[in-house]
Amino acid sequence: MSFRWPVRVWHVSETVDLLAGIPRNTAPLHCGWCGRRLEQTTAKGRRRRYCGQSCRQRAYERRTALQRSGLPEDAVVLSDAELAALQDRLFQLRCAAEDVATAADDGAAADELRRMALELASSARELERLR
């Protein structure tokens, strides 16, 4: 005598979205070329990587140029001017953070600390856009 597991068959009459109700990653997405914030869409499928066709084309040109040059795909090449500008922006961000810390130690008012924190956040937001 052989043992048989009971079998249950359920028929589903309509399609059920198993992922409905599960929030997608809501972190802000940025264009892979220019760094602009991309709009959050509720459409299904692949997420956007670029804000438009021109950014997609520039990214393609960069990838093909990197393949011809032999540099790794994740390499970042900056001119001297771009490097200096990036270092200046990082310095501004560090100074703004130090200003907030100093003001907090000196007992600044809450509205003053809030204003300084907003300026710090604005500087950091600008720094996110590396291109």
C-alpha atoms as a PDB file:
ATOM      1  CA  MET A   1       0.000   0.000   0.000  1.00  0.00           C
ATOM      2  CA  SER A   2       1.501   3.354  -0.982  1.00  0.00           C
ATOM      3  CA  PHE A   3       0.816   6.549   0.887  1.00  0.00           C
ATOM      4  CA  ARG A   4      -0.666   9.455  -1.078  1.00  0.00           C
ATOM      5  CA  TRP A   5      -0.729  13.027   0.136  1.00  0.00           C
ATOM      6  CA  PRO A   6      -4.091  14.721  -0.063  1.00  0.00           C
ATOM      7  CA  VAL A   7      -4.263  17.092  -3.005  1.00  0.00           C
ATOM      8  CA  ARG A   8      -6.217  20.333  -2.909  1.00  0.00           C
ATOM      9  CA  VAL A   9      -6.849  22.348  -6.026  1.00  0.00           C
ATOM     10  CA  TRP A  10      -8.112  25.894  -5.875  1.00  0.00           C
ATOM     11  CA  HIS A  11      -9.388  27.669  -8.935  1.00  0.00           C
ATOM     12  CA  VAL A  12      -8.874  31.395  -9.067  1.00  0.00           C
ATOM     13  CA  SER A  13     -11.400  33.149 -11.222  1.00  0.00           C
ATOM     14  CA  GLU A  14      -9.607  36.492 -11.386  1.00  0.00           C
ATOM     15  CA  THR A  15      -6.020  37.655 -11.468  1.00  0.00           C
ATOM     16  CA  VAL A  16      -4.689  38.748  -8.095  1.00  0.00           C
ATOM     17  CA  ASP A  17      -1.775  41.147  -7.768  1.00  0.00           C
ATOM     18  CA  LEU A  18       0.341  39.534  -5.047  1.00  0.00           C
ATOM     19  CA  LEU A  19       2.389  42.694  -4.560  1.00  0.00           C
ATOM     20  CA  ALA A  20      -0.592  45.011  -4.137  1.00  0.00           C
ATOM     21  CA  GLY A  21      -0.383  46.905  -0.888  1.00  0.00           C
ATOM     22  CA  ILE A  22       3.363  46.418  -0.550  1.00  0.00           C
ATOM     23  CA  PRO A  23       4.984  49.828  -1.002  1.00  0.00           C
ATOM     24  CA  ARG A  24       7.763  50.069  -3.536  1.00  0.00           C
ATOM     25  CA  ASN A  25      11.026  51.631  -2.506  1.00  0.00           C
ATOM     26  CA  THR A  26      10.061  55.265  -2.106  1.00  0.00           C
ATOM     27  CA  ALA A  27      13.581  56.647  -1.939  1.00  0.00           C
ATOM     28  CA  PRO A  28      13.944  59.481  -4.418  1.00  0.00           C
ATOM     29  CA  LEU A  29      15.467  58.357  -7.681  1.00  0.00           C
ATOM     30  CA  HIS A  30      17.842  60.536  -9.623  1.00  0.00           C
ATOM     31  CA  CYS A  31      18.723  60.664 -13.310  1.00  0.00           C
ATOM     32  CA  GLY A  32      21.768  58.512 -14.054  1.00  0.00           C
ATOM     33  CA  TRP A  33      23.298  61.303 -16.133  1.00  0.00           C
ATOM     34  CA  CYS A  34      22.362  64.774 -14.857  1.00  0.00           C
ATOM     35  CA  GLY A  35      21.287  63.908 -11.296  1.00  0.00           C
ATOM     36  CA  ARG A  36      17.833  65.520 -11.493  1.00  0.00           C
ATOM     37  CA  ARG A  37      15.203  63.968  -9.257  1.00  0.00           C
ATOM     38  CA  LEU A  38      12.920  61.607 -11.181  1.00  0.00           C
ATOM     39  CA  GLU A  39       9.171  61.636 -10.657  1.00  0.00           C
ATOM     40  CA  GLN A  40       7.730  58.762  -8.658  1.00  0.00           C
ATOM     41  CA  THR A  41       5.434  56.737 -10.861  1.00  0.00           C
ATOM     42  CA  THR A  42       2.998  54.030  -9.910  1.00  0.00           C
ATOM     43  CA  ALA A  43       3.343  52.289 -13.257  1.00  0.00           C
ATOM     44  CA  LYS A  44       4.454  48.704 -13.296  1.00  0.00           C
ATOM     45  CA  GLY A  45       7.627  47.600 -14.942  1.00  0.00           C
ATOM     46  CA  ARG A  46      11.170  48.805 -14.999  1.00  0.00           C
ATOM     47  CA  ARG A  47      11.949  52.042 -13.197  1.00  0.00           C
ATOM     48  CA  ARG A  48      13.255  55.002 -15.149  1.00  0.00           C
ATOM     49  CA  ARG A  49      17.005  55.595 -15.061  1.00  0.00           C
ATOM     50  CA  TYR A  50      17.154  58.872 -16.992  1.00  0.00           C
ATOM     51  CA  CYS A  51      14.988  61.977 -17.059  1.00  0.00           C
ATOM     52  CA  GLY A  52      14.889  62.126 -20.841  1.00  0.00           C
ATOM     53  CA  GLN A  53      16.214  60.862 -24.140  1.00  0.00           C
ATOM     54  CA  SER A  54      19.123  63.332 -24.202  1.00  0.00           C
ATOM     55  CA  CYS A  55      20.432  62.088 -20.844  1.00  0.00           C
ATOM     56  CA  ARG A  56      20.028  58.482 -21.999  1.00  0.00           C
ATOM     57  CA  GLN A  57      22.053  59.302 -25.132  1.00  0.00           C
ATOM     58  CA  ARG A  58      24.837  61.042 -23.173  1.00  0.00           C
ATOM     59  CA  ALA A  59      25.075  58.060 -20.825  1.00  0.00           C
ATOM     60  CA  TYR A  60      25.304  55.709 -23.814  1.00  0.00           C
ATOM     61  CA  GLU A  61      28.073  57.846 -25.345  1.00  0.00           C
ATOM     62  CA  ARG A  62      29.952  57.781 -22.053  1.00  0.00           C
ATOM     63  CA  ARG A  63      29.636  53.993 -21.735  1.00  0.00           C
ATOM     64  CA  THR A  64      30.893  53.398 -25.266  1.00  0.00           C
ATOM     65  CA  ALA A  65      33.774  55.846 -24.780  1.00  0.00           C
ATOM     66  CA  LEU A  66      34.751  54.065 -21.573  1.00  0.00           C
ATOM     67  CA  GLN A  67      34.676  50.705 -23.324  1.00  0.00           C
ATOM     68  CA  ARG A  68      37.037  52.032 -26.000  1.00  0.00           C
ATOM     69  CA  SER A  69      39.385  53.617 -23.455  1.00  0.00           C
ATOM     70  CA  GLY A  70      39.681  50.556 -21.225  1.00  0.00           C
ATOM     71  CA  LEU A  71      38.599  52.356 -18.033  1.00  0.00           C
ATOM     72  CA  PRO A  72      36.252  50.473 -15.695  1.00  0.00           C
ATOM     73  CA  GLU A  73      32.583  51.335 -16.155  1.00  0.00           C
ATOM     74  CA  ASP A  74      32.264  52.784 -12.647  1.00  0.00           C
ATOM     75  CA  ALA A  75      35.270  55.089 -13.124  1.00  0.00           C
ATOM     76  CA  VAL A  76      34.650  58.781 -12.576  1.00  0.00           C
ATOM     77  CA  VAL A  77      36.833  61.090 -14.622  1.00  0.00           C
ATOM     78  CA  LEU A  78      36.954  64.717 -13.521  1.00  0.00           C
ATOM     79  CA  SER A  79      38.847  67.607 -14.994  1.00  0.00           C
ATOM     80  CA  ASP A  80      40.960  69.774 -12.678  1.00  0.00           C
ATOM     81  CA  ALA A  81      38.248  72.454 -12.694  1.00  0.00           C
ATOM     82  CA  GLU A  82      35.516  69.932 -11.833  1.00  0.00           C
ATOM     83  CA  LEU A  83      37.614  68.482  -9.018  1.00  0.00           C
ATOM     84  CA  ALA A  84      38.265  71.961  -7.599  1.00  0.00           C
ATOM     85  CA  ALA A  85      34.538  72.795  -7.779  1.00  0.00           C
ATOM     86  CA  LEU A  86      33.651  69.545  -6.006  1.00  0.00           C
ATOM     87  CA  GLN A  87      36.204  70.205  -3.276  1.00  0.00           C
ATOM     88  CA  ASP A  88      34.804  73.734  -2.820  1.00  0.00           C
ATOM     89  CA  ARG A  89      31.261  72.382  -2.456  1.00  0.00           C
ATOM     90  CA  LEU A  90      32.414  69.803   0.097  1.00  0.00           C
ATOM     91  CA  PHE A  91      34.219  72.535   2.046  1.00  0.00           C
ATOM     92  CA  GLN A  92      31.035  74.665   2.051  1.00  0.00           C
ATOM     93  CA  LEU A  93      29.039  71.710   3.345  1.00  0.00           C
ATOM     94  CA  ARG A  94      31.542  71.011   6.135  1.00  0.00           C
ATOM     95  CA  CYS A  95      31.585  74.685   7.168  1.00  0.00           C
ATOM     96  CA  ALA A  96      27.790  74.801   7.272  1.00  0.00           C
ATOM     97  CA  ALA A  97      27.711  71.681   9.482  1.00  0.00           C
ATOM     98  CA  GLU A  98      30.333  73.186  11.810  1.00  0.00           C
ATOM     99  CA  ASP A  99      28.312  76.419  12.002  1.00  0.00           C
ATOM    100  CA  VAL A 100      25.231  74.485  13.122  1.00  0.00           C
ATOM    101  CA  ALA A 101      27.228  72.610  15.766  1.00  0.00           C
ATOM    102  CA  THR A 102      28.812  75.826  17.054  1.00  0.00           C
ATOM    103  CA  ALA A 103      25.464  77.612  17.203  1.00  0.00           C
ATOM    104  CA  ALA A 104      23.944  74.697  19.130  1.00  0.00           C
ATOM    105  CA  ASP A 105      26.844  74.767  21.617  1.00  0.00           C
ATOM    106  CA  ASP A 106      26.434  78.528  22.038  1.00  0.00           C
ATOM    107  CA  GLY A 107      22.741  78.125  22.879  1.00  0.00           C
ATOM    108  CA  ALA A 108      21.227  79.616  19.731  1.00  0.00           C
ATOM    109  CA  ALA A 109      17.470  79.921  19.497  1.00  0.00           C
ATOM    110  CA  ALA A 110      15.486  77.094  17.925  1.00  0.00           C
ATOM    111  CA  ASP A 111      14.392  79.196  14.930  1.00  0.00           C
ATOM    112  CA  GLU A 112      18.019  80.146  14.219  1.00  0.00           C
ATOM    113  CA  LEU A 113      19.115  76.498  14.425  1.00  0.00           C
ATOM    114  CA  ARG A 114      16.254  75.536  12.115  1.00  0.00           C
ATOM    115  CA  ARG A 115      17.274  78.166   9.548  1.00  0.00           C
ATOM    116  CA  MET A 116      20.872  76.958   9.659  1.00  0.00           C
ATOM    117  CA  ALA A 117      19.795  73.320   9.350  1.00  0.00           C
ATOM    118  CA  LEU A 118      17.705  74.183   6.293  1.00  0.00           C
ATOM    119  CA  GLU A 119      20.718  75.884   4.716  1.00  0.00           C
ATOM    120  CA  LEU A 120      22.799  72.806   5.502  1.00  0.00           C
ATOM    121  CA  ALA A 121      20.189  70.545   3.879  1.00  0.00           C
ATOM    122  CA  SER A 122      20.098  72.804   0.823  1.00  0.00           C
ATOM    123  CA  SER A 123      23.877  72.621   0.482  1.00  0.00           C
ATOM    124  CA  ALA A 124      23.789  68.839   0.775  1.00  0.00           C
ATOM    125  CA  ARG A 125      21.020  68.642  -1.831  1.00  0.00           C
ATOM    126  CA  GLU A 126      23.099  70.680  -4.262  1.00  0.00           C
ATOM    127  CA  LEU A 127      26.101  68.464  -3.587  1.00  0.00           C
ATOM    128  CA  GLU A 128      24.076  65.369  -4.518  1.00  0.00           C
ATOM    129  CA  ARG A 129      24.018  66.599  -8.095  1.00  0.00           C
ATOM    130  CA  LEU A 130      27.581  65.796  -9.057  1.00  0.00           C
ATOM    131  CA  ARG A 131      27.135  66.696 -12.718  1.00  0.00           C
END
